[in-house]
Amino acid sequence: MTGFPGRLKQLRISNNLIAKQIAEMLGVTYRQHQRYETGETDPPTSKTFVLANYFNVSLDYLVGRSDNPTRL
């Protein structure tokens, strides 16, 4: 299992997105998004919900608590 930073990067890459696109969608700076992907900081819960919805995955999958991306 991998944690949130790894899952975020994996989902971004597998969806052919660049970090700047995710940053803009979240309303954060590019640097802040980099901090999320490197694990320097954690996003607020509200941003985590947005990301799970955007990628259509469960919160447990996004944060690394499950290897099953299916939303219930």
N, C-alpha and C. Protein backbone atom coordinates (compact mmCIF):
# COMPACT_ATOMS: atom_id res chain seq x y z
N MET A 1 0.85 -1.19 0.00
CA MET A 1 0.00 0.00 0.00
C MET A 1 0.88 1.24 0.00
N THR A 2 0.41 2.26 -0.64
CA THR A 2 1.14 3.52 -0.67
C THR A 2 0.28 4.60 -0.01
N GLY A 3 0.91 5.65 0.42
CA GLY A 3 0.19 6.73 1.09
C GLY A 3 -0.35 7.77 0.13
N PHE A 4 -0.92 8.80 0.70
CA PHE A 4 -1.55 9.86 -0.08
C PHE A 4 -0.64 10.47 -1.13
N PRO A 5 0.60 10.88 -0.79
CA PRO A 5 1.43 11.53 -1.82
C PRO A 5 1.64 10.64 -3.05
N GLY A 6 1.92 9.37 -2.83
CA GLY A 6 2.13 8.46 -3.94
C GLY A 6 0.87 8.22 -4.76
N ARG A 7 -0.26 8.11 -4.07
CA ARG A 7 -1.52 7.90 -4.78
C ARG A 7 -1.88 9.12 -5.62
N LEU A 8 -1.68 10.30 -5.07
CA LEU A 8 -2.00 11.51 -5.80
C LEU A 8 -1.17 11.59 -7.08
N LYS A 9 0.12 11.33 -6.96
CA LYS A 9 0.99 11.39 -8.13
C LYS A 9 0.61 10.30 -9.14
N GLN A 10 0.35 9.11 -8.66
CA GLN A 10 -0.04 8.00 -9.53
C GLN A 10 -1.33 8.33 -10.30
N LEU A 11 -2.32 8.86 -9.60
CA LEU A 11 -3.59 9.20 -10.25
C LEU A 11 -3.40 10.33 -11.27
N ARG A 12 -2.60 11.31 -10.90
CA ARG A 12 -2.34 12.42 -11.81
C ARG A 12 -1.69 11.93 -13.10
N ILE A 13 -0.66 11.13 -12.96
CA ILE A 13 0.06 10.63 -14.12
C ILE A 13 -0.80 9.69 -14.96
N SER A 14 -1.52 8.80 -14.31
CA SER A 14 -2.35 7.84 -15.06
C SER A 14 -3.50 8.52 -15.80
N ASN A 15 -3.84 9.74 -15.38
CA ASN A 15 -4.89 10.50 -16.07
C ASN A 15 -4.30 11.55 -17.01
N ASN A 16 -2.99 11.42 -17.28
CA ASN A 16 -2.30 12.32 -18.21
C ASN A 16 -2.47 13.79 -17.87
N LEU A 17 -2.32 14.09 -16.58
CA LEU A 17 -2.45 15.47 -16.12
C LEU A 17 -1.10 15.96 -15.62
N ILE A 18 -0.89 17.25 -15.68
CA ILE A 18 0.31 17.84 -15.10
C ILE A 18 -0.07 18.47 -13.76
N ALA A 19 0.93 18.63 -12.92
CA ALA A 19 0.68 19.14 -11.57
C ALA A 19 -0.02 20.49 -11.59
N LYS A 20 0.32 21.33 -12.56
CA LYS A 20 -0.29 22.65 -12.66
C LYS A 20 -1.81 22.54 -12.85
N GLN A 21 -2.26 21.55 -13.60
CA GLN A 21 -3.70 21.37 -13.82
C GLN A 21 -4.42 21.01 -12.53
N ILE A 22 -3.81 20.13 -11.75
CA ILE A 22 -4.41 19.75 -10.47
C ILE A 22 -4.41 20.93 -9.51
N ALA A 23 -3.32 21.67 -9.48
CA ALA A 23 -3.24 22.85 -8.62
C ALA A 23 -4.35 23.84 -8.96
N GLU A 24 -4.55 24.10 -10.24
CA GLU A 24 -5.60 25.04 -10.65
C GLU A 24 -6.98 24.52 -10.27
N MET A 25 -7.21 23.23 -10.46
CA MET A 25 -8.51 22.64 -10.12
C MET A 25 -8.78 22.77 -8.62
N LEU A 26 -7.72 22.62 -7.82
CA LEU A 26 -7.88 22.72 -6.37
C LEU A 26 -7.89 24.16 -5.85
N GLY A 27 -7.44 25.08 -6.70
CA GLY A 27 -7.36 26.48 -6.26
C GLY A 27 -6.18 26.73 -5.35
N VAL A 28 -5.08 26.00 -5.59
CA VAL A 28 -3.86 26.19 -4.81
C VAL A 28 -2.72 26.50 -5.77
N THR A 29 -1.61 26.93 -5.22
CA THR A 29 -0.45 27.20 -6.06
C THR A 29 0.19 25.90 -6.52
N TYR A 30 0.97 26.00 -7.58
CA TYR A 30 1.72 24.85 -8.07
C TYR A 30 2.63 24.31 -6.96
N ARG A 31 3.29 25.21 -6.24
CA ARG A 31 4.18 24.80 -5.15
C ARG A 31 3.42 24.05 -4.06
N GLN A 32 2.22 24.51 -3.74
CA GLN A 32 1.43 23.82 -2.71
C GLN A 32 1.09 22.41 -3.17
N HIS A 33 0.74 22.28 -4.43
CA HIS A 33 0.46 20.94 -4.96
C HIS A 33 1.71 20.06 -4.86
N GLN A 34 2.86 20.61 -5.16
CA GLN A 34 4.11 19.85 -5.03
C GLN A 34 4.29 19.36 -3.60
N ARG A 35 3.96 20.19 -2.64
CA ARG A 35 4.07 19.80 -1.23
C ARG A 35 3.16 18.62 -0.92
N TYR A 36 1.97 18.59 -1.53
CA TYR A 36 1.07 17.45 -1.34
C TYR A 36 1.70 16.18 -1.91
N GLU A 37 2.28 16.26 -3.10
CA GLU A 37 2.85 15.08 -3.75
C GLU A 37 4.14 14.59 -3.10
N THR A 38 4.86 15.47 -2.44
CA THR A 38 6.10 15.04 -1.77
C THR A 38 5.86 14.67 -0.31
N GLY A 39 4.67 14.94 0.19
CA GLY A 39 4.35 14.61 1.57
C GLY A 39 4.81 15.66 2.56
N GLU A 40 5.25 16.81 2.06
CA GLU A 40 5.67 17.90 2.97
C GLU A 40 4.50 18.40 3.80
N THR A 41 3.34 18.49 3.17
CA THR A 41 2.12 18.91 3.86
C THR A 41 0.95 18.05 3.39
N ASP A 42 -0.07 18.00 4.20
CA ASP A 42 -1.30 17.31 3.84
C ASP A 42 -2.34 18.34 3.43
N PRO A 43 -3.16 18.00 2.44
CA PRO A 43 -4.20 18.95 2.05
C PRO A 43 -5.31 18.98 3.10
N PRO A 44 -6.05 20.08 3.15
CA PRO A 44 -7.21 20.11 4.02
C PRO A 44 -8.21 19.05 3.58
N THR A 45 -9.04 18.61 4.49
CA THR A 45 -10.04 17.59 4.18
C THR A 45 -10.89 17.99 2.98
N SER A 46 -11.24 19.24 2.88
CA SER A 46 -12.08 19.69 1.76
C SER A 46 -11.39 19.44 0.42
N LYS A 47 -10.09 19.62 0.34
CA LYS A 47 -9.35 19.38 -0.90
C LYS A 47 -9.25 17.88 -1.18
N THR A 48 -9.15 17.08 -0.13
CA THR A 48 -9.09 15.62 -0.29
C THR A 48 -10.39 15.11 -0.87
N PHE A 49 -11.52 15.65 -0.42
CA PHE A 49 -12.82 15.27 -0.97
C PHE A 49 -12.89 15.63 -2.45
N VAL A 50 -12.42 16.81 -2.80
CA VAL A 50 -12.43 17.25 -4.19
C VAL A 50 -11.61 16.30 -5.05
N LEU A 51 -10.44 15.91 -4.57
CA LEU A 51 -9.58 15.01 -5.33
C LEU A 51 -10.21 13.63 -5.50
N ALA A 52 -10.79 13.09 -4.45
CA ALA A 52 -11.45 11.78 -4.54
C ALA A 52 -12.59 11.83 -5.55
N ASN A 53 -13.37 12.88 -5.52
CA ASN A 53 -14.46 13.02 -6.48
C ASN A 53 -13.93 13.20 -7.90
N TYR A 54 -12.92 14.01 -8.05
CA TYR A 54 -12.35 14.27 -9.38
C TYR A 54 -11.83 12.99 -10.03
N PHE A 55 -11.10 12.19 -9.24
CA PHE A 55 -10.54 10.95 -9.77
C PHE A 55 -11.49 9.76 -9.65
N ASN A 56 -12.65 9.98 -9.06
CA ASN A 56 -13.66 8.95 -8.89
C ASN A 56 -13.11 7.73 -8.15
N VAL A 57 -12.46 8.01 -7.03
CA VAL A 57 -11.93 6.95 -6.17
C VAL A 57 -12.43 7.18 -4.74
N SER A 58 -12.34 6.13 -3.93
CA SER A 58 -12.74 6.28 -2.54
C SER A 58 -11.69 7.07 -1.76
N LEU A 59 -12.12 7.68 -0.68
CA LEU A 59 -11.18 8.40 0.18
C LEU A 59 -10.15 7.45 0.77
N ASP A 60 -10.59 6.25 1.14
CA ASP A 60 -9.66 5.27 1.70
C ASP A 60 -8.57 4.93 0.70
N TYR A 61 -8.91 4.79 -0.56
CA TYR A 61 -7.91 4.52 -1.58
C TYR A 61 -6.97 5.71 -1.73
N LEU A 62 -7.53 6.90 -1.81
CA LEU A 62 -6.72 8.09 -2.02
C LEU A 62 -5.69 8.29 -0.91
N VAL A 63 -6.07 8.03 0.32
CA VAL A 63 -5.15 8.25 1.43
C VAL A 63 -4.31 7.02 1.76
N GLY A 64 -4.49 5.93 1.01
CA GLY A 64 -3.65 4.76 1.20
C GLY A 64 -4.14 3.76 2.22
N ARG A 65 -5.39 3.87 2.66
CA ARG A 65 -5.92 2.91 3.63
C ARG A 65 -6.47 1.67 2.96
N SER A 66 -6.63 1.71 1.66
CA SER A 66 -7.18 0.57 0.91
C SER A 66 -6.52 0.52 -0.45
N ASP A 67 -6.44 -0.66 -1.01
CA ASP A 67 -5.94 -0.81 -2.37
C ASP A 67 -7.09 -0.91 -3.37
N ASN A 68 -8.32 -0.77 -2.90
CA ASN A 68 -9.50 -0.84 -3.73
C ASN A 68 -9.99 0.58 -4.03
N PRO A 69 -9.88 1.03 -5.28
CA PRO A 69 -10.27 2.41 -5.59
C PRO A 69 -11.78 2.62 -5.69
N THR A 70 -12.56 1.55 -5.67
CA THR A 70 -14.01 1.65 -5.86
C THR A 70 -14.68 2.46 -4.77
N ARG A 71 -15.50 3.40 -5.21
CA ARG A 71 -16.29 4.20 -4.28
C ARG A 71 -17.54 3.45 -3.91
N LEU A 72 -17.92 3.51 -2.66
CA LEU A 72 -19.15 2.84 -2.20
C LEU A 72 -20.32 3.75 -2.25
